[in-house]
N, C-alpha and C. Protein backbone atom coordinates (compact mmCIF):
# COMPACT_ATOMS: atom_id res chain seq x y z
N MET A 1 190.23 -48.82 192.49
CA MET A 1 191.42 -47.72 192.28
C MET A 1 191.43 -47.34 190.87
N PHE A 2 191.72 -46.22 190.62
CA PHE A 2 191.79 -45.78 189.21
C PHE A 2 193.43 -46.24 188.56
N GLU A 3 193.42 -46.70 187.46
CA GLU A 3 194.58 -46.94 186.74
C GLU A 3 195.76 -45.91 187.16
N PHE A 4 195.79 -44.68 187.06
CA PHE A 4 196.73 -44.02 187.19
C PHE A 4 197.18 -43.79 188.40
N GLN A 5 196.60 -44.24 189.49
CA GLN A 5 196.92 -44.55 190.92
C GLN A 5 197.92 -45.59 191.15
N GLN A 6 198.20 -46.50 190.21
CA GLN A 6 198.82 -47.44 190.38
C GLN A 6 200.20 -47.05 189.70
N LEU A 7 200.43 -46.18 188.87
CA LEU A 7 201.63 -45.76 188.13
C LEU A 7 202.83 -45.35 189.21
N HIS A 8 203.86 -45.57 188.96
CA HIS A 8 204.80 -45.22 189.88
C HIS A 8 205.15 -43.96 189.87
N VAL A 9 205.15 -43.20 188.64
CA VAL A 9 205.36 -41.88 188.60
C VAL A 9 204.23 -41.11 189.74
N TYR A 10 203.03 -41.42 189.40
CA TYR A 10 202.09 -40.84 190.21
C TYR A 10 202.21 -41.23 191.86
N GLN A 11 202.74 -42.28 192.12
CA GLN A 11 203.30 -42.48 193.62
C GLN A 11 204.09 -41.74 194.00
N ARG A 12 205.31 -41.40 193.37
CA ARG A 12 206.35 -40.59 193.51
C ARG A 12 206.03 -39.14 193.52
N ALA A 13 205.03 -39.00 192.70
CA ALA A 13 204.57 -37.46 192.74
C ALA A 13 203.89 -37.20 194.02
N LEU A 14 203.09 -38.21 194.48
CA LEU A 14 202.37 -38.33 195.66
C LEU A 14 203.23 -37.90 196.82
N SER A 15 204.49 -38.67 196.74
CA SER A 15 205.47 -38.67 197.89
C SER A 15 205.96 -37.24 197.91
N PHE A 16 206.36 -36.66 196.65
CA PHE A 16 206.83 -35.29 196.74
C PHE A 16 205.84 -34.39 197.32
N LEU A 17 204.57 -34.77 197.16
CA LEU A 17 203.47 -33.63 197.48
C LEU A 17 203.53 -33.81 199.10
N SER A 18 203.59 -34.80 199.61
CA SER A 18 203.80 -34.88 201.20
C SER A 18 204.87 -34.20 201.66
N PHE A 19 206.29 -34.65 200.85
CA PHE A 19 207.35 -34.01 201.42
C PHE A 19 207.25 -32.41 201.26
N SER A 20 206.64 -31.79 200.39
CA SER A 20 206.75 -30.51 199.96
C SER A 20 205.71 -29.67 201.14
N SER A 21 204.77 -30.61 201.45
CA SER A 21 203.85 -30.04 202.34
C SER A 21 204.48 -30.01 203.68
N ARG A 22 205.17 -30.59 204.17
CA ARG A 22 206.08 -30.67 205.38
C ARG A 22 206.79 -29.64 205.25
N LEU A 23 207.51 -29.39 204.23
CA LEU A 23 208.64 -28.61 204.17
C LEU A 23 207.73 -27.11 204.11
N SER A 24 206.81 -26.95 203.51
CA SER A 24 206.11 -25.71 203.44
C SER A 24 205.61 -25.22 204.96
N LEU A 25 205.16 -26.24 205.88
CA LEU A 25 204.73 -25.96 207.00
C LEU A 25 205.98 -25.59 207.99
N SER A 26 207.15 -26.10 207.61
CA SER A 26 208.03 -25.53 208.47
C SER A 26 209.14 -24.40 208.11
N LEU A 27 208.39 -23.57 206.85
CA LEU A 27 209.12 -22.51 206.43
C LEU A 27 208.45 -21.16 207.27
N PRO A 28 209.20 -20.05 207.74
CA PRO A 28 208.88 -18.98 208.41
C PRO A 28 207.67 -18.25 207.46
N ARG A 29 206.77 -17.76 208.71
CA ARG A 29 205.54 -16.86 207.85
C ARG A 29 205.78 -15.87 206.81
N SER A 30 206.82 -15.36 206.92
CA SER A 30 207.25 -14.40 205.92
C SER A 30 207.70 -14.84 204.65
N SER A 31 207.81 -16.23 204.70
CA SER A 31 207.85 -16.80 203.15
C SER A 31 206.70 -17.52 202.80
N PHE A 32 205.51 -16.89 203.31
CA PHE A 32 204.38 -17.87 202.82
C PHE A 32 204.14 -17.81 201.37
N GLY A 33 204.65 -16.70 200.63
CA GLY A 33 204.48 -16.91 198.92
C GLY A 33 205.19 -18.09 198.65
N LEU A 34 206.42 -18.11 198.83
CA LEU A 34 207.18 -19.30 198.41
C LEU A 34 206.47 -20.55 198.91
N ALA A 35 206.07 -20.60 199.99
CA ALA A 35 205.41 -21.88 200.49
C ALA A 35 203.99 -22.30 199.63
N ASP A 36 203.38 -21.15 199.47
CA ASP A 36 202.37 -21.56 198.73
C ASP A 36 202.53 -22.00 197.33
N HIS A 37 203.52 -21.34 196.48
CA HIS A 37 203.92 -21.51 195.14
C HIS A 37 204.32 -22.88 195.24
N LEU A 38 205.21 -23.41 196.16
CA LEU A 38 205.74 -24.78 196.31
C LEU A 38 204.65 -25.81 196.51
N ARG A 39 203.79 -25.50 197.15
CA ARG A 39 202.40 -26.36 197.36
C ARG A 39 201.63 -26.64 196.11
N ARG A 40 201.32 -25.35 195.50
CA ARG A 40 200.58 -25.56 194.29
C ARG A 40 201.19 -26.17 193.18
N ALA A 41 202.51 -25.93 192.93
CA ALA A 41 203.29 -26.65 191.92
C ALA A 41 203.48 -27.99 192.21
N ALA A 42 203.49 -28.74 193.54
CA ALA A 42 203.60 -30.02 193.95
C ALA A 42 202.39 -30.62 193.40
N LEU A 43 200.96 -29.91 193.70
CA LEU A 43 199.99 -30.54 193.56
C LEU A 43 199.66 -30.51 192.07
N SER A 44 199.99 -29.51 191.28
CA SER A 44 199.79 -29.58 189.79
C SER A 44 200.58 -30.73 189.14
N VAL A 45 201.75 -31.19 189.81
CA VAL A 45 202.58 -32.57 189.05
C VAL A 45 201.24 -33.71 189.19
N GLN A 46 200.96 -33.84 190.34
CA GLN A 46 200.28 -35.07 190.51
C GLN A 46 198.70 -34.96 189.89
N LEU A 47 198.19 -33.67 189.84
CA LEU A 47 196.80 -33.69 189.16
C LEU A 47 197.07 -33.59 187.71
N ASN A 48 197.97 -33.24 187.15
CA ASN A 48 198.03 -33.16 185.61
C ASN A 48 198.58 -34.65 185.37
N ILE A 49 199.26 -35.57 186.12
CA ILE A 49 199.45 -36.89 185.67
C ILE A 49 197.92 -37.55 185.63
N ALA A 50 197.19 -37.34 186.79
CA ALA A 50 195.90 -38.11 186.69
C ALA A 50 195.05 -37.55 185.36
N GLU A 51 195.19 -36.35 185.19
CA GLU A 51 194.43 -35.73 184.28
C GLU A 51 194.88 -36.30 182.76
N GLY A 52 196.06 -36.17 182.63
CA GLY A 52 196.67 -36.75 181.28
C GLY A 52 196.67 -38.14 181.12
N MET A 53 196.61 -39.02 182.25
CA MET A 53 196.31 -40.39 182.09
C MET A 53 194.85 -40.69 181.79
N GLY A 54 193.77 -39.90 181.97
CA GLY A 54 192.30 -39.80 181.87
C GLY A 54 191.94 -39.62 180.43
N ARG A 55 192.89 -38.96 179.76
CA ARG A 55 192.56 -38.69 178.21
C ARG A 55 192.94 -39.82 177.36
N PRO A 56 192.39 -40.00 176.46
CA PRO A 56 192.61 -40.96 175.55
C PRO A 56 194.07 -41.60 175.03
N GLY A 57 194.77 -40.37 174.98
CA GLY A 57 196.23 -40.50 174.41
C GLY A 57 196.55 -39.51 173.41
N GLY A 58 197.77 -39.58 172.71
CA GLY A 58 198.02 -38.86 171.72
C GLY A 58 198.41 -37.57 172.41
N GLU A 59 198.42 -36.54 171.60
CA GLU A 59 198.78 -34.99 171.90
C GLU A 59 198.09 -34.58 173.26
N GLU A 60 196.93 -34.73 173.39
CA GLU A 60 196.24 -34.44 174.77
C GLU A 60 196.78 -34.63 175.69
N ARG A 61 197.05 -36.09 175.80
CA ARG A 61 197.59 -36.72 177.09
C ARG A 61 199.02 -36.24 177.14
N THR A 62 199.97 -36.23 176.01
CA THR A 62 201.14 -35.60 176.27
C THR A 62 201.49 -34.30 176.91
N ASN A 63 200.35 -33.33 176.46
CA ASN A 63 200.28 -31.90 176.94
C ASN A 63 200.28 -31.97 178.37
N PHE A 64 199.38 -33.01 178.89
CA PHE A 64 199.31 -32.91 180.39
C PHE A 64 200.58 -33.12 181.13
N LEU A 65 201.14 -34.46 180.57
CA LEU A 65 202.23 -34.94 180.85
C LEU A 65 203.38 -33.97 180.87
N ARG A 66 203.48 -33.14 179.83
CA ARG A 66 204.40 -32.12 179.92
C ARG A 66 204.11 -30.90 180.89
N ILE A 67 203.26 -30.55 181.14
CA ILE A 67 202.71 -29.81 182.42
C ILE A 67 203.01 -29.98 183.43
N ALA A 68 202.78 -31.52 183.73
CA ALA A 68 203.42 -32.04 185.13
C ALA A 68 204.87 -31.95 185.14
N ARG A 69 205.64 -32.26 184.07
CA ARG A 69 207.20 -32.35 184.15
C ARG A 69 207.57 -30.88 184.40
N GLY A 70 206.74 -29.91 183.60
CA GLY A 70 207.21 -28.49 183.96
C GLY A 70 207.06 -28.14 185.57
N SER A 71 205.96 -28.48 185.99
CA SER A 71 205.49 -28.11 187.54
C SER A 71 206.80 -28.89 188.22
N ALA A 72 207.16 -29.84 188.02
CA ALA A 72 207.97 -30.76 188.81
C ALA A 72 209.29 -29.88 188.82
N MET A 73 209.59 -29.46 187.61
CA MET A 73 210.91 -28.59 187.46
C MET A 73 210.90 -27.21 188.05
N GLU A 74 209.62 -26.74 188.25
CA GLU A 74 209.38 -25.55 188.98
C GLU A 74 209.55 -25.65 190.40
N CYS A 75 209.02 -27.04 191.08
CA CYS A 75 209.33 -27.56 192.34
C CYS A 75 210.78 -27.48 192.46
N ALA A 76 211.46 -27.93 191.77
CA ALA A 76 213.07 -27.80 191.88
C ALA A 76 213.63 -26.66 192.17
N ALA A 77 213.18 -25.71 191.37
CA ALA A 77 213.40 -24.31 191.59
C ALA A 77 213.00 -23.76 192.84
N ALA A 78 211.99 -24.07 193.32
CA ALA A 78 211.51 -23.73 194.37
C ALA A 78 212.36 -24.17 195.68
N LEU A 79 212.60 -25.48 195.51
CA LEU A 79 213.74 -25.95 196.64
C LEU A 79 215.07 -25.31 196.56
N ASP A 80 215.39 -24.85 195.46
CA ASP A 80 216.85 -24.13 195.31
C ASP A 80 216.41 -22.65 195.89
N ALA A 81 215.28 -22.24 195.90
CA ALA A 81 215.23 -20.89 196.59
C ALA A 81 214.93 -21.03 197.99
N VAL A 82 214.38 -22.28 198.61
CA VAL A 82 214.44 -22.46 200.02
C VAL A 82 215.66 -22.42 200.51
N GLU A 83 216.77 -23.17 199.83
CA GLU A 83 217.96 -23.37 200.22
C GLU A 83 218.71 -21.82 200.21
N ALA A 84 218.62 -21.37 199.18
CA ALA A 84 219.47 -20.06 198.77
C ALA A 84 218.94 -18.81 199.91
N MET A 85 217.72 -18.97 200.16
CA MET A 85 217.27 -18.02 201.48
C MET A 85 217.54 -18.45 202.60
N GLY A 86 218.14 -19.65 202.94
CA GLY A 86 218.55 -20.13 204.07
C GLY A 86 217.45 -20.65 204.94
N PHE A 87 216.54 -21.08 204.43
CA PHE A 87 215.38 -21.63 205.22
C PHE A 87 215.53 -23.17 205.50
N ALA A 88 216.44 -23.63 204.79
CA ALA A 88 216.64 -25.28 204.98
C ALA A 88 218.02 -25.36 204.20
N PRO A 89 218.84 -26.52 204.93
CA PRO A 89 220.07 -26.76 204.24
C PRO A 89 219.70 -27.76 203.01
N GLY A 90 220.81 -27.84 202.25
CA GLY A 90 220.49 -28.79 201.17
C GLY A 90 220.40 -30.19 201.48
N LYS A 91 221.00 -30.68 202.54
CA LYS A 91 221.00 -32.06 203.06
C LYS A 91 219.50 -32.33 203.39
N GLU A 92 218.71 -31.49 203.94
CA GLU A 92 217.35 -31.72 204.37
C GLU A 92 216.48 -31.56 202.94
N LEU A 93 216.99 -31.02 201.88
CA LEU A 93 216.17 -31.07 200.60
C LEU A 93 216.42 -31.94 199.73
N GLN A 94 217.58 -32.86 200.09
CA GLN A 94 217.97 -33.87 199.10
C GLN A 94 216.91 -34.81 198.77
N ALA A 95 216.09 -35.48 199.77
CA ALA A 95 215.17 -36.39 199.44
C ALA A 95 214.15 -35.87 198.44
N GLY A 96 213.53 -34.64 198.56
CA GLY A 96 212.70 -34.12 197.77
C GLY A 96 213.25 -33.88 196.35
N ARG A 97 214.65 -33.68 196.33
CA ARG A 97 215.19 -33.40 194.79
C ARG A 97 215.42 -34.84 194.19
N GLU A 98 215.61 -35.68 194.96
CA GLU A 98 215.56 -36.99 194.36
C GLU A 98 214.22 -37.76 194.00
N LEU A 99 213.27 -37.32 194.60
CA LEU A 99 211.92 -37.69 194.14
C LEU A 99 211.88 -36.73 193.03
N LEU A 100 211.74 -35.56 192.85
CA LEU A 100 211.72 -34.78 191.49
C LEU A 100 212.25 -35.15 190.52
N LEU A 101 213.84 -35.65 190.39
CA LEU A 101 214.56 -36.19 189.58
C LEU A 101 213.86 -37.44 189.03
N GLU A 102 213.45 -38.43 189.82
CA GLU A 102 212.89 -39.63 189.38
C GLU A 102 211.55 -39.30 188.65
N VAL A 103 210.64 -38.31 189.16
CA VAL A 103 209.33 -37.87 188.60
C VAL A 103 209.70 -37.18 187.07
N VAL A 104 210.59 -36.42 187.08
CA VAL A 104 211.04 -35.79 185.91
C VAL A 104 211.62 -36.68 184.69
N ARG A 105 212.20 -37.82 185.06
CA ARG A 105 212.61 -38.89 184.12
C ARG A 105 211.78 -39.36 183.78
N MET A 106 210.74 -40.11 184.43
CA MET A 106 209.60 -41.00 184.29
C MET A 106 208.61 -40.01 183.40
N LEU A 107 208.46 -38.79 183.63
CA LEU A 107 207.52 -37.97 182.58
C LEU A 107 208.18 -37.61 181.21
N THR A 108 209.42 -37.39 181.37
CA THR A 108 210.29 -37.25 180.14
C THR A 108 210.02 -38.55 179.23
N VAL A 109 210.09 -39.68 179.67
CA VAL A 109 209.83 -40.82 178.78
C VAL A 109 208.52 -41.02 178.48
N MET A 110 207.40 -40.85 179.37
CA MET A 110 206.00 -40.91 179.35
C MET A 110 205.52 -39.91 178.26
N GLY A 111 206.14 -38.68 178.37
CA GLY A 111 205.48 -37.70 177.42
C GLY A 111 206.48 -37.24 176.32
N ASN A 112 207.52 -37.97 176.19
CA ASN A 112 208.36 -37.80 175.06
C ASN A 112 208.83 -36.06 175.08
N CYS A 113 209.24 -35.83 176.52
CA CYS A 113 209.35 -34.25 176.85
C CYS A 113 210.82 -34.18 176.72
N THR A 114 211.48 -34.08 175.46
CA THR A 114 212.74 -33.79 175.37
C THR A 114 213.10 -32.20 175.34
N GLY A 115 212.11 -31.47 175.09
CA GLY A 115 212.26 -29.98 175.00
C GLY A 115 212.35 -29.59 173.64
N ARG A 116 212.45 -30.56 172.63
CA ARG A 116 212.51 -30.41 171.43
C ARG A 116 211.10 -30.21 170.53
N ARG A 117 210.99 -29.44 169.71
CA ARG A 117 209.58 -29.35 168.97
C ARG A 117 209.73 -30.21 167.68
N LYS A 118 208.73 -30.75 167.35
CA LYS A 118 208.65 -31.39 166.19
C LYS A 118 208.35 -30.75 164.96
N GLY A 119 208.80 -30.86 163.97
CA GLY A 119 208.50 -30.16 162.83
C GLY A 119 209.19 -29.00 162.64
């Protein structure tokens, strides 16, 4: 097992990937673009965590973790769109939102992603 696979943030990102995959399959065909975007963003979270942890550290690792965080926030916006378009009630999306909040919090700490630029 790779070290990144043992990380709680990686495990939670995988859980969200599973959630988003099931949700995407339940969306109507007319929302293919939204479903595809959600799946790709969810996959990006997990893949960027893995790639970032495979880097020696420093700014390069931080950049991948920041990208993963941005993709997680993109997923949250996609869930908002799913709800706003009437494809799923907020109650059904709550578990996914909770996973994303957890992932974003952990990535914020790991990558010091405060949104503020240094210098």
